[in-house]
C-alpha atoms as a PDB file:
ATOM      1  CA  MET A   1      -0.400 -18.973  -5.963  1.00  0.00           C
ATOM      2  CA  ILE A   2       0.392 -20.820  -2.722  1.00  0.00           C
ATOM      3  CA  LEU A   3      -2.777 -20.748  -0.605  1.00  0.00           C
ATOM      4  CA  GLY A   4      -1.323 -22.072   2.636  1.00  0.00           C
ATOM      5  CA  THR A   5       0.443 -24.944   4.352  1.00  0.00           C
ATOM      6  CA  VAL A   6      -0.766 -28.402   5.336  1.00  0.00           C
ATOM      7  CA  THR A   7       1.268 -30.545   7.728  1.00  0.00           C
ATOM      8  CA  LYS A   8       0.932 -34.335   7.922  1.00  0.00           C
ATOM      9  CA  GLN A   9       2.805 -37.245   9.411  1.00  0.00           C
ATOM     10  CA  PRO A  10       4.236 -39.881   7.032  1.00  0.00           C
ATOM     11  CA  ALA A  11       1.638 -42.554   7.880  1.00  0.00           C
ATOM     12  CA  GLU A  12      -1.402 -40.249   7.705  1.00  0.00           C
ATOM     13  CA  THR A  13      -3.811 -40.327   4.774  1.00  0.00           C
ATOM     14  CA  PHE A  14      -6.508 -37.671   4.298  1.00  0.00           C
ATOM     15  CA  SER A  15      -8.046 -35.325   1.714  1.00  0.00           C
ATOM     16  CA  ARG A  16      -7.703 -31.594   1.277  1.00  0.00           C
ATOM     17  CA  TYR A  17      -9.994 -29.549  -0.933  1.00  0.00           C
ATOM     18  CA  ILE A  18      -9.561 -26.275  -2.780  1.00  0.00           C
ATOM     19  CA  ASP A  19     -12.821 -24.449  -3.438  1.00  0.00           C
ATOM     20  CA  PHE A  20     -12.941 -22.662  -6.805  1.00  0.00           C
ATOM     21  CA  VAL A  21     -16.436 -21.185  -6.300  1.00  0.00           C
ATOM     22  CA  ARG A  22     -15.231 -17.565  -6.417  1.00  0.00           C
ATOM     23  CA  ARG A  23     -13.768 -18.076  -9.891  1.00  0.00           C
ATOM     24  CA  LEU A  24     -16.774 -19.797 -11.449  1.00  0.00           C
ATOM     25  CA  ASP A  25     -19.533 -18.063 -13.392  1.00  0.00           C
ATOM     26  CA  SER A  26     -23.043 -18.765 -12.091  1.00  0.00           C
ATOM     27  CA  SER A  27     -23.708 -21.553 -14.637  1.00  0.00           C
ATOM     28  CA  GLU A  28     -20.157 -22.952 -14.709  1.00  0.00           C
ATOM     29  CA  THR A  29     -19.372 -26.358 -13.207  1.00  0.00           C
ATOM     30  CA  LEU A  30     -16.198 -28.362 -12.687  1.00  0.00           C
ATOM     31  CA  THR A  31     -15.704 -31.135 -15.245  1.00  0.00           C
ATOM     32  CA  GLY A  32     -12.182 -32.367 -14.489  1.00  0.00           C
ATOM     33  CA  VAL A  33      -9.442 -32.257 -11.893  1.00  0.00           C
ATOM     34  CA  GLY A  34      -5.751 -33.082 -11.805  1.00  0.00           C
ATOM     35  CA  VAL A  35      -3.454 -33.074  -8.809  1.00  0.00           C
ATOM     36  CA  THR A  36       0.341 -33.029  -8.988  1.00  0.00           C
ATOM     37  CA  ALA A  37       3.113 -32.872  -6.399  1.00  0.00           C
ATOM     38  CA  THR A  38       6.590 -31.422  -6.748  1.00  0.00           C
ATOM     39  CA  ASP A  39       9.437 -31.724  -4.256  1.00  0.00           C
ATOM     40  CA  ALA A  40       9.886 -28.180  -2.945  1.00  0.00           C
ATOM     41  CA  ALA A  41      13.677 -28.505  -2.724  1.00  0.00           C
ATOM     42  CA  SER A  42      14.594 -30.347  -5.926  1.00  0.00           C
ATOM     43  CA  GLY A  43      11.625 -29.628  -8.196  1.00  0.00           C
ATOM     44  CA  SER A  44      11.251 -33.329  -9.015  1.00  0.00           C
ATOM     45  CA  ASP A  45       7.841 -34.868  -9.610  1.00  0.00           C
ATOM     46  CA  THR A  46       6.598 -36.597  -6.437  1.00  0.00           C
ATOM     47  CA  THR A  47       2.982 -37.110  -7.470  1.00  0.00           C
ATOM     48  CA  ALA A  48       3.162 -40.919  -7.231  1.00  0.00           C
ATOM     49  CA  VAL A  49       4.564 -40.661  -3.701  1.00  0.00           C
ATOM     50  CA  VAL A  50       2.163 -38.283  -1.918  1.00  0.00           C
ATOM     51  CA  VAL A  51      -1.103 -37.836  -3.865  1.00  0.00           C
ATOM     52  CA  SER A  52      -3.803 -40.131  -5.208  1.00  0.00           C
ATOM     53  CA  GLN A  53      -7.474 -40.209  -6.140  1.00  0.00           C
ATOM     54  CA  PRO A  54      -8.095 -36.668  -7.416  1.00  0.00           C
ATOM     55  CA  ALA A  55     -11.814 -35.937  -7.401  1.00  0.00           C
ATOM     56  CA  ILE A  56     -14.421 -33.209  -7.767  1.00  0.00           C
ATOM     57  CA  SER A  57     -16.853 -32.382  -4.977  1.00  0.00           C
ATOM     58  CA  GLY A  58     -19.224 -29.655  -6.166  1.00  0.00           C
ATOM     59  CA  THR A  59     -17.045 -26.563  -6.660  1.00  0.00           C
ATOM     60  CA  LYS A  60     -14.009 -28.147  -4.984  1.00  0.00           C
ATOM     61  CA  GLY A  61     -11.012 -30.047  -6.312  1.00  0.00           C
ATOM     62  CA  GLN A  62      -9.796 -32.825  -4.003  1.00  0.00           C
ATOM     63  CA  ALA A  63      -6.205 -33.836  -3.306  1.00  0.00           C
ATOM     64  CA  ARG A  64      -5.865 -37.145  -1.404  1.00  0.00           C
ATOM     65  CA  LEU A  65      -2.594 -36.973   0.571  1.00  0.00           C
ATOM     66  CA  SER A  66      -0.728 -40.092   1.690  1.00  0.00           C
ATOM     67  CA  ALA A  67       2.728 -41.462   2.487  1.00  0.00           C
ATOM     68  CA  GLY A  68       5.859 -39.329   2.173  1.00  0.00           C
ATOM     69  CA  PHE A  69       9.071 -39.074   4.167  1.00  0.00           C
ATOM     70  CA  THR A  70       9.733 -37.069   7.321  1.00  0.00           C
ATOM     71  CA  ALA A  71      11.194 -33.602   6.670  1.00  0.00           C
ATOM     72  CA  ASP A  72      10.125 -33.551   3.007  1.00  0.00           C
ATOM     73  CA  SER A  73       8.183 -30.595   1.604  1.00  0.00           C
ATOM     74  CA  HIS A  74       6.012 -30.740  -1.506  1.00  0.00           C
ATOM     75  CA  VAL A  75       4.083 -28.203  -3.539  1.00  0.00           C
ATOM     76  CA  ILE A  76       0.657 -29.692  -4.257  1.00  0.00           C
ATOM     77  CA  GLN A  77      -1.107 -28.243  -7.299  1.00  0.00           C
ATOM     78  CA  VAL A  78      -4.826 -28.732  -7.890  1.00  0.00           C
ATOM     79  CA  ARG A  79      -5.906 -27.872 -11.453  1.00  0.00           C
ATOM     80  CA  VAL A  80      -9.548 -27.974 -12.534  1.00  0.00           C
ATOM     81  CA  THR A  81     -11.288 -27.633 -15.883  1.00  0.00           C
ATOM     82  CA  THR A  82     -14.811 -26.311 -16.259  1.00  0.00           C
ATOM     83  CA  SER A  83     -17.919 -26.680 -18.376  1.00  0.00           C
ATOM     84  CA  LEU A  84     -17.014 -23.393 -20.115  1.00  0.00           C
ATOM     85  CA  GLY A  85     -13.547 -24.638 -21.071  1.00  0.00           C
ATOM     86  CA  ASN A  86     -11.689 -22.659 -18.419  1.00  0.00           C
ATOM     87  CA  THR A  87      -8.757 -23.988 -16.419  1.00  0.00           C
ATOM     88  CA  TYR A  88      -8.020 -22.822 -12.875  1.00  0.00           C
ATOM     89  CA  GLU A  89      -5.269 -23.868 -10.506  1.00  0.00           C
ATOM     90  CA  ASP A  90      -4.115 -23.246  -6.975  1.00  0.00           C
ATOM     91  CA  GLU A  91      -1.359 -24.718  -4.833  1.00  0.00           C
ATOM     92  CA  PHE A  92      -0.526 -25.405  -1.226  1.00  0.00           C
ATOM     93  CA  LEU A  93       2.633 -26.471   0.561  1.00  0.00           C
ATOM     94  CA  LEU A  94       2.634 -29.952   2.138  1.00  0.00           C
ATOM     95  CA  LEU A  95       5.079 -30.432   5.004  1.00  0.00           C
ATOM     96  CA  ILE A  96       5.724 -33.979   6.190  1.00  0.00           C
ATOM     97  CA  ARG A  97       6.728 -33.981   9.831  1.00  0.00           C
ATOM     98  CA  GLU A  98       6.810 -36.634  12.522  1.00  0.00           C
ATOM     99  CA  GLU A  99       5.237 -34.998  15.573  1.00  0.00           C
END
């Protein structure tokens, strides 16, 4: 499910987090995270171009966004695994625009 849209300029680098707290049981914790990127137009894998350093911060999965080319659009998927063996994922649209 696409949660929303993030816009960045090509030279910007920053993190975005997706909070999975509403899906977790009271004793469940995040144990792993993976972040992937897909070109919205072609469907090709662009992970190496626009994301790096996936991390966990409490109940949140982190996507570190960097680089990219003006006018490109990417679907960023954050997938987490939990202490109970569950896997959850959410996505957002990354628009790269020179403003």
